[in-house]
Amino acid sequence: MTDPLDKATSTAPATLGEGCLSRYDPAALTPENGADFDGAAALWRELQQSEEAKEGEGLAKRSLRGASNQ
């Protein structure tokens, strides 16, 4: 690689589907092309737990309001 501009190129990962259904092939996504999802599962669980906690607080507040009206 003697031309310095050769290393400034990039290629997109392989895709599946066509048109509106076109998407990157999950098997072709690697950390080298910017697809590092190591923490994705942990983040998803954390977000789901915080959402469930918010919903639980909302239900508790509604039930307390309902009990005070009786």
Foldseek 3Di string as FASTA:
>chain_A
DPDPCVVVDDDDADWDDDDPPIDHDPVRDDVVVPDDCPCVVVVVVVVVVVVVVVVVVVVVVVVVVVVVVD
